[in-house]
N, C-alpha and C. Protein backbone atom coordinates (compact mmCIF):
# COMPACT_ATOMS: atom_id res chain seq x y z
N MET A 1 2.69 -1.86 21.52
CA MET A 1 2.02 -3.05 21.26
C MET A 1 0.62 -2.65 20.75
N SER A 2 0.23 -3.66 19.87
CA SER A 2 -1.17 -3.55 18.98
C SER A 2 -1.71 -4.57 18.54
N LYS A 3 -2.73 -4.39 18.04
CA LYS A 3 -3.72 -5.78 17.69
C LYS A 3 -2.95 -6.51 16.29
N GLY A 4 -2.52 -5.75 15.84
CA GLY A 4 -1.60 -6.19 14.36
C GLY A 4 -0.82 -5.20 13.72
N LYS A 5 -0.06 -5.69 12.81
CA LYS A 5 1.18 -4.86 12.05
C LYS A 5 0.54 -5.03 10.70
N HIS A 6 0.92 -3.72 9.96
CA HIS A 6 0.48 -3.55 8.76
C HIS A 6 1.23 -3.16 7.64
N LEU A 7 2.08 -3.82 6.96
CA LEU A 7 3.13 -3.04 6.12
C LEU A 7 2.45 -2.62 4.80
N LEU A 8 2.63 -1.63 4.67
CA LEU A 8 2.58 -0.97 3.15
C LEU A 8 3.85 -0.56 2.16
N ILE A 9 3.88 -1.39 1.13
CA ILE A 9 5.13 -1.84 0.46
C ILE A 9 5.01 -1.06 -1.02
N ASP A 10 5.86 -0.30 -1.41
CA ASP A 10 5.85 0.35 -2.37
C ASP A 10 7.19 -0.17 -3.24
N CYS A 11 6.74 -0.81 -4.34
CA CYS A 11 7.89 -1.79 -5.11
C CYS A 11 7.96 -0.98 -6.47
N ARG A 12 9.42 -0.29 -6.89
CA ARG A 12 9.69 0.61 -7.87
C ARG A 12 10.59 -0.64 -8.85
N ASN A 13 10.57 -0.43 -10.19
CA ASN A 13 11.68 -0.98 -11.06
C ASN A 13 11.68 -2.42 -10.74
N VAL A 14 10.32 -3.13 -10.72
CA VAL A 14 10.14 -4.41 -10.66
C VAL A 14 9.89 -4.75 -12.20
N PRO A 15 10.60 -6.23 -12.36
CA PRO A 15 10.69 -6.45 -13.75
C PRO A 15 9.23 -6.80 -14.27
N ARG A 16 9.26 -6.32 -15.87
CA ARG A 16 7.78 -6.64 -16.36
C ARG A 16 7.37 -7.86 -16.10
N GLU A 17 8.06 -8.95 -16.37
CA GLU A 17 7.56 -10.33 -16.25
C GLU A 17 7.00 -10.61 -14.86
N THR A 18 7.33 -10.11 -13.71
CA THR A 18 7.09 -10.30 -12.39
C THR A 18 5.73 -9.69 -12.14
N CYS A 19 5.68 -8.28 -12.96
CA CYS A 19 4.34 -7.54 -12.36
C CYS A 19 3.23 -8.19 -13.63
N LEU A 20 3.49 -9.17 -14.33
CA LEU A 20 2.51 -10.01 -15.17
C LEU A 20 2.30 -11.40 -14.64
N ASP A 21 3.08 -11.74 -13.79
CA ASP A 21 2.81 -13.20 -13.40
C ASP A 21 2.16 -13.29 -12.29
N ASP A 22 0.49 -13.45 -12.28
CA ASP A 22 -0.15 -13.28 -11.37
C ASP A 22 -0.38 -14.71 -10.67
N GLY A 23 -0.04 -15.63 -11.23
CA GLY A 23 -0.07 -17.22 -10.53
C GLY A 23 1.41 -17.17 -9.81
N GLY A 24 2.66 -16.70 -10.25
CA GLY A 24 3.70 -16.77 -9.53
C GLY A 24 3.73 -15.98 -8.32
N VAL A 25 3.19 -14.81 -8.48
CA VAL A 25 3.24 -13.90 -7.24
C VAL A 25 2.42 -14.28 -6.11
N LEU A 26 1.08 -14.54 -6.67
CA LEU A 26 0.40 -15.19 -5.66
C LEU A 26 0.75 -16.48 -4.98
N ALA A 27 1.38 -17.58 -5.58
CA ALA A 27 1.83 -18.70 -5.19
C ALA A 27 3.13 -18.30 -4.03
N ALA A 28 3.68 -17.01 -4.70
CA ALA A 28 4.98 -16.58 -3.62
C ALA A 28 4.41 -16.15 -2.10
N MET A 29 3.24 -15.23 -2.28
CA MET A 29 2.85 -14.73 -1.38
C MET A 29 2.20 -15.80 -0.21
N ALA A 30 1.69 -16.78 -0.83
CA ALA A 30 1.34 -18.07 0.11
C ALA A 30 2.17 -18.78 0.68
N ARG A 31 3.14 -19.04 -0.14
CA ARG A 31 4.30 -19.86 0.56
C ARG A 31 4.96 -19.00 1.61
N SER A 32 5.15 -17.71 1.27
CA SER A 32 5.82 -16.71 2.02
C SER A 32 5.13 -16.63 3.80
N ALA A 33 3.96 -16.45 3.48
CA ALA A 33 2.98 -16.55 4.73
C ALA A 33 3.38 -17.56 5.47
N THR A 34 3.13 -18.84 4.73
CA THR A 34 3.21 -19.88 5.37
C THR A 34 4.48 -20.23 6.21
N ARG A 35 5.44 -19.92 5.44
CA ARG A 35 6.99 -20.07 6.23
C ARG A 35 6.99 -19.20 7.34
N ALA A 36 6.27 -18.02 7.30
CA ALA A 36 6.55 -17.04 8.56
C ALA A 36 5.42 -17.35 9.60
N GLY A 37 4.75 -18.42 9.38
CA GLY A 37 3.70 -19.06 10.54
C GLY A 37 2.24 -18.94 10.07
N ALA A 38 1.90 -18.24 9.31
CA ALA A 38 0.58 -17.61 9.03
C ALA A 38 -0.24 -18.83 8.27
N ASN A 39 -1.52 -18.85 8.64
CA ASN A 39 -2.42 -20.24 8.08
C ASN A 39 -3.27 -19.59 6.89
N VAL A 40 -2.81 -19.90 5.69
CA VAL A 40 -3.65 -19.50 4.58
C VAL A 40 -4.94 -20.23 4.30
N ILE A 41 -6.02 -19.27 3.98
CA ILE A 41 -7.28 -19.71 4.15
C ILE A 41 -7.93 -19.59 2.77
N SER A 42 -7.53 -18.66 1.82
CA SER A 42 -8.02 -19.02 0.34
C SER A 42 -7.14 -17.72 -0.25
N GLN A 43 -7.13 -18.06 -1.67
CA GLN A 43 -6.28 -17.28 -2.62
C GLN A 43 -6.98 -16.83 -3.79
N VAL A 44 -6.94 -15.78 -4.16
CA VAL A 44 -7.70 -15.40 -5.43
C VAL A 44 -6.71 -14.29 -6.33
N ARG A 45 -6.74 -14.49 -7.63
CA ARG A 45 -6.10 -13.48 -8.38
C ARG A 45 -7.21 -12.75 -9.61
N TYR A 46 -6.82 -11.40 -10.08
CA TYR A 46 -7.36 -11.11 -11.41
C TYR A 46 -6.59 -10.37 -12.13
N ARG A 47 -6.27 -10.56 -13.40
CA ARG A 47 -5.48 -10.05 -14.47
C ARG A 47 -6.28 -8.84 -14.91
N PHE A 48 -5.70 -7.78 -15.33
CA PHE A 48 -6.04 -6.67 -16.29
C PHE A 48 -5.27 -6.84 -17.27
N GLY A 49 -5.98 -5.80 -18.50
CA GLY A 49 -5.28 -5.49 -19.62
C GLY A 49 -5.92 -5.33 -20.73
N GLN A 50 -7.47 -5.91 -20.61
CA GLN A 50 -8.17 -5.64 -22.05
C GLN A 50 -8.90 -4.06 -21.81
N ASP A 51 -9.27 -3.59 -20.93
CA ASP A 51 -9.80 -2.19 -20.82
C ASP A 51 -8.97 -1.36 -19.85
N SER A 52 -8.02 -1.88 -19.42
CA SER A 52 -7.12 -1.26 -18.35
C SER A 52 -5.77 -1.53 -18.63
N PRO A 53 -4.54 -0.80 -18.15
CA PRO A 53 -3.24 -1.11 -18.39
C PRO A 53 -2.92 -2.47 -17.73
N PRO A 54 -1.93 -3.15 -18.38
CA PRO A 54 -1.57 -4.47 -17.86
C PRO A 54 -1.13 -4.56 -16.18
N GLY A 55 -1.70 -6.02 -15.81
CA GLY A 55 -1.23 -6.04 -14.45
C GLY A 55 -2.16 -6.95 -13.88
N PHE A 56 -1.97 -6.85 -12.60
CA PHE A 56 -3.17 -7.64 -11.48
C PHE A 56 -3.10 -7.50 -10.36
N THR A 57 -4.13 -8.08 -9.90
CA THR A 57 -4.50 -7.66 -8.37
C THR A 57 -4.56 -9.43 -7.78
N ALA A 58 -3.71 -9.66 -6.69
CA ALA A 58 -3.83 -10.92 -6.15
C ALA A 58 -3.75 -10.97 -4.67
N VAL A 59 -4.83 -11.63 -4.05
CA VAL A 59 -4.76 -11.60 -2.57
C VAL A 59 -4.92 -12.95 -1.99
N VAL A 60 -4.23 -13.11 -0.67
CA VAL A 60 -3.91 -14.09 0.01
C VAL A 60 -4.77 -13.86 1.24
N LEU A 61 -5.63 -14.64 1.47
CA LEU A 61 -6.52 -14.42 2.71
C LEU A 61 -5.87 -15.51 3.73
N LEU A 62 -5.56 -14.66 4.95
CA LEU A 62 -4.87 -15.52 6.15
C LEU A 62 -6.00 -15.59 7.24
N ASP A 63 -5.82 -16.46 8.11
CA ASP A 63 -6.42 -16.56 9.38
C ASP A 63 -5.93 -15.38 9.89
N GLU A 64 -4.85 -14.73 9.78
CA GLU A 64 -4.35 -13.74 10.64
C GLU A 64 -4.42 -12.23 10.04
N SER A 65 -5.08 -12.51 8.69
CA SER A 65 -5.30 -11.13 7.88
C SER A 65 -5.10 -11.27 6.47
N HIS A 66 -4.35 -10.74 5.72
CA HIS A 66 -4.33 -10.79 4.25
C HIS A 66 -2.88 -10.32 3.81
N CYS A 67 -2.59 -10.85 2.31
CA CYS A 67 -1.32 -10.23 1.75
C CYS A 67 -2.11 -9.86 0.48
N SER A 68 -1.77 -8.72 0.10
CA SER A 68 -2.17 -8.58 -1.31
C SER A 68 -1.14 -7.73 -2.22
N ALA A 69 -1.21 -7.86 -3.58
CA ALA A 69 -0.29 -7.40 -4.42
C ALA A 69 -1.36 -6.79 -5.66
N HIS A 70 -1.02 -5.24 -6.18
CA HIS A 70 -1.58 -4.73 -7.29
C HIS A 70 -0.38 -4.21 -7.96
N THR A 71 -0.32 -4.84 -9.29
CA THR A 71 0.71 -4.30 -10.07
C THR A 71 0.22 -3.51 -11.19
N TYR A 72 1.43 -2.77 -11.70
CA TYR A 72 1.40 -1.83 -12.98
C TYR A 72 2.41 -2.07 -13.59
N ALA A 73 2.07 -3.13 -14.43
CA ALA A 73 3.29 -3.63 -15.13
C ALA A 73 4.02 -2.61 -16.23
N ASP A 74 3.27 -1.74 -16.89
CA ASP A 74 3.95 -0.95 -17.68
C ASP A 74 4.44 0.39 -17.13
N LEU A 75 4.33 0.25 -15.77
CA LEU A 75 5.32 1.23 -15.07
C LEU A 75 6.28 0.44 -13.93
N GLY A 76 6.21 -0.72 -13.97
CA GLY A 76 7.27 -1.72 -13.05
C GLY A 76 6.89 -1.41 -11.76
N LEU A 77 5.61 -1.20 -11.28
CA LEU A 77 5.22 -1.17 -9.99
C LEU A 77 4.74 -2.44 -9.58
N ILE A 78 4.84 -2.29 -7.97
CA ILE A 78 3.77 -3.15 -7.22
C ILE A 78 3.44 -2.51 -6.05
N ALA A 79 2.26 -2.68 -5.75
CA ALA A 79 1.61 -2.09 -4.27
C ALA A 79 1.39 -3.33 -3.41
N LEU A 80 2.36 -3.70 -2.47
CA LEU A 80 1.99 -4.70 -1.51
C LEU A 80 1.46 -4.29 -0.31
N ASP A 81 0.70 -4.92 0.30
CA ASP A 81 -0.15 -4.69 1.63
C ASP A 81 0.10 -6.29 2.28
N LEU A 82 0.77 -5.98 3.25
CA LEU A 82 0.91 -7.51 4.23
C LEU A 82 0.28 -6.85 5.55
N PHE A 83 -0.76 -7.68 6.21
CA PHE A 83 -1.39 -7.21 7.42
C PHE A 83 -1.60 -8.75 8.21
N THR A 84 -0.71 -8.60 9.53
CA THR A 84 -1.04 -9.65 10.34
C THR A 84 -1.39 -9.49 11.57
N CYS A 85 -1.84 -10.52 12.62
CA CYS A 85 -2.33 -10.09 13.65
C CYS A 85 -1.55 -11.16 14.60
N GLY A 86 -1.59 -11.54 15.76
CA GLY A 86 -1.04 -12.46 16.62
C GLY A 86 0.26 -12.43 16.45
N SER A 87 1.04 -13.60 16.24
CA SER A 87 2.32 -13.83 16.66
C SER A 87 3.12 -13.73 15.27
N THR A 88 2.42 -13.87 13.98
CA THR A 88 2.92 -13.66 12.80
C THR A 88 3.47 -12.18 12.53
N ASP A 89 4.70 -12.31 12.22
CA ASP A 89 5.17 -10.89 11.80
C ASP A 89 5.31 -10.89 10.44
N PRO A 90 4.67 -9.53 9.75
CA PRO A 90 4.71 -9.30 8.19
C PRO A 90 6.07 -9.09 7.64
N LEU A 91 6.82 -8.62 8.67
CA LEU A 91 8.31 -8.33 8.10
C LEU A 91 8.94 -9.57 7.68
N ASP A 92 8.58 -10.81 8.33
CA ASP A 92 9.02 -12.40 7.93
C ASP A 92 8.60 -12.58 6.84
N VAL A 93 7.19 -12.18 6.41
CA VAL A 93 6.46 -12.59 4.96
C VAL A 93 7.50 -12.12 3.96
N LEU A 94 7.42 -10.40 4.25
CA LEU A 94 8.21 -9.62 3.23
C LEU A 94 9.45 -10.24 2.91
N GLN A 95 10.63 -10.66 4.01
CA GLN A 95 11.64 -11.29 4.03
C GLN A 95 11.66 -12.58 2.85
N TYR A 96 10.55 -13.29 3.20
CA TYR A 96 10.44 -14.78 2.48
C TYR A 96 10.29 -14.27 1.08
N LEU A 97 9.18 -13.06 0.89
CA LEU A 97 8.93 -12.93 -0.57
C LEU A 97 9.87 -12.35 -1.37
N GLN A 98 10.98 -11.62 -0.73
CA GLN A 98 12.06 -10.95 -1.37
C GLN A 98 13.02 -12.03 -1.91
N GLU A 99 13.22 -13.32 -1.15
CA GLU A 99 14.07 -14.40 -1.51
C GLU A 99 13.33 -14.92 -2.57
N ASP A 100 11.93 -14.74 -2.96
CA ASP A 100 11.33 -15.82 -3.99
C ASP A 100 11.03 -14.64 -5.20
N LEU A 101 11.09 -13.51 -4.89
CA LEU A 101 10.72 -12.57 -6.22
C LEU A 101 11.48 -11.22 -6.34
N ASP A 102 11.98 -11.01 -7.73
CA ASP A 102 12.57 -9.76 -7.70
C ASP A 102 11.48 -8.60 -7.66
N LEU A 103 11.70 -7.85 -6.31
CA LEU A 103 10.56 -7.02 -5.92
C LEU A 103 11.29 -5.54 -6.15
N GLY A 104 12.25 -5.42 -6.90
CA GLY A 104 13.14 -4.25 -7.33
C GLY A 104 13.32 -3.59 -6.07
N ASP A 105 13.17 -2.27 -6.30
CA ASP A 105 13.60 -1.32 -4.96
C ASP A 105 12.44 -1.06 -4.44
N ILE A 106 12.48 -1.12 -2.79
CA ILE A 106 11.21 -1.18 -1.76
C ILE A 106 11.21 0.05 -1.04
N VAL A 107 10.31 0.56 -0.55
CA VAL A 107 10.04 1.46 0.52
C VAL A 107 8.95 0.82 1.42
N VAL A 108 8.95 0.59 2.82
CA VAL A 108 8.26 -0.07 3.53
C VAL A 108 7.66 1.10 4.51
N ARG A 109 6.37 1.47 4.80
CA ARG A 109 5.72 1.67 5.69
C ARG A 109 5.18 0.78 6.77
N GLN A 110 5.27 1.05 7.92
CA GLN A 110 4.84 -0.12 8.63
C GLN A 110 3.69 0.83 9.72
N VAL A 111 2.69 0.35 9.86
CA VAL A 111 1.52 0.68 10.66
C VAL A 111 0.94 0.05 11.93
N SER A 112 1.07 0.21 13.17
CA SER A 112 0.10 -0.33 13.96
C SER A 112 -1.30 -0.43 13.99
N ARG A 113 -1.68 -1.61 14.10
CA ARG A 113 -3.45 -1.49 14.08
C ARG A 113 -3.83 -1.79 15.36
N PHE A 114 -4.88 -0.78 15.90
CA PHE A 114 -5.47 -0.80 17.10
C PHE A 114 -4.52 -0.89 18.00
N PRO A 115 -3.49 0.41 18.25
CA PRO A 115 -2.63 0.04 19.60
C PRO A 115 -3.33 0.10 21.01
N LEU A 116 -2.66 -0.72 21.74
CA LEU A 116 -3.04 -1.38 22.99
C LEU A 116 -2.23 -0.35 24.13
N GLU A 117 -3.04 -0.24 25.02
CA GLU A 117 -2.54 0.45 26.36
C GLU A 117 -3.43 -0.42 27.58
N GLY A 118 -2.58 -1.00 28.26
CA GLY A 118 -3.12 -1.67 29.36
C GLY A 118 -3.80 -3.08 29.07
N GLY A 119 -3.72 -3.22 27.56
CA GLY A 119 -4.29 -4.57 26.87
C GLY A 119 -5.65 -4.33 26.52
N THR A 120 -5.83 -3.00 26.41
CA THR A 120 -7.21 -2.72 25.64
C THR A 120 -6.99 -1.60 24.55
N PRO A 121 -7.60 -1.60 23.31
CA PRO A 121 -7.73 -0.95 22.51
C PRO A 121 -7.98 0.64 22.89
N LEU A 122 -6.94 1.65 22.44
CA LEU A 122 -7.22 2.86 22.46
C LEU A 122 -8.46 3.67 22.07
N GLU A 123 -8.88 4.46 22.54
CA GLU A 123 -10.23 5.01 21.80
C GLU A 123 -9.73 6.12 21.05
N PRO A 124 -10.17 6.57 19.75
CA PRO A 124 -9.58 7.59 18.85
C PRO A 124 -10.48 8.88 19.35
N ALA A 125 -9.58 9.82 19.47
CA ALA A 125 -10.22 11.16 19.91
C ALA A 125 -10.58 11.94 18.63
N LEU A 126 -12.05 12.14 18.69
CA LEU A 126 -12.36 12.90 17.29
C LEU A 126 -12.15 14.56 17.56
N ALA A 127 -11.51 15.07 16.38
CA ALA A 127 -11.22 16.37 16.47
C ALA A 127 -12.47 17.35 16.67
N ALA A 128 -12.43 18.57 17.16
CA ALA A 128 -13.39 19.32 17.13
C ALA A 128 -14.19 19.63 16.11
N GLY A 129 -15.39 19.65 16.26
CA GLY A 129 -16.33 19.65 15.08
C GLY A 129 -16.11 18.46 13.75
N ASN A 130 -15.30 17.69 13.80
CA ASN A 130 -15.34 16.33 13.22
C ASN A 130 -16.36 15.28 13.53
N GLN A 131 -17.34 15.10 12.77
CA GLN A 131 -18.27 14.21 13.04
C GLN A 131 -18.10 12.85 12.14
N CYS A 132 -17.79 11.95 12.43
CA CYS A 132 -18.03 10.61 11.83
C CYS A 132 -19.34 9.77 11.90
C-alpha cells in the first residue's frame, strides 16, 4: 500500500503528427483522467521548435496529482508521466489514453510513492556517510 501510484511511460515509434499535436494530446490526457475518476484542475502546454527540436510539453494538473507528456517529434518519442493518489488508478488513465491516441510501442514502469506500513509512511534510511 502507498500514498500514490506513479507511472513512467516511454513511448517509441509514435507517429510524428501525434508528437506535434499538443492540443490533441492535452485534451486526450484530460479526458482520460476524467474517465478514470480524476478531477482536472488546470491544463497547460508549450510547443517547442524555434530554438529546439520540434515537440511539446503538456501538463494536466489533477486534484489527485498530474499527467504530463513531453515529445520528441523528430525521434517519434513521448515521455508520459501519470501520477495519482487516492482511488484513481493511473493504469486506467493509460488505458483510456491508448484508446484515444496512437502511443506506438510503450514501456511502463510503476513506482509506489510513499509506501505505507501500518498506515504511516515509511521513513527512508540514509546510507552511512550520505547526508542530504
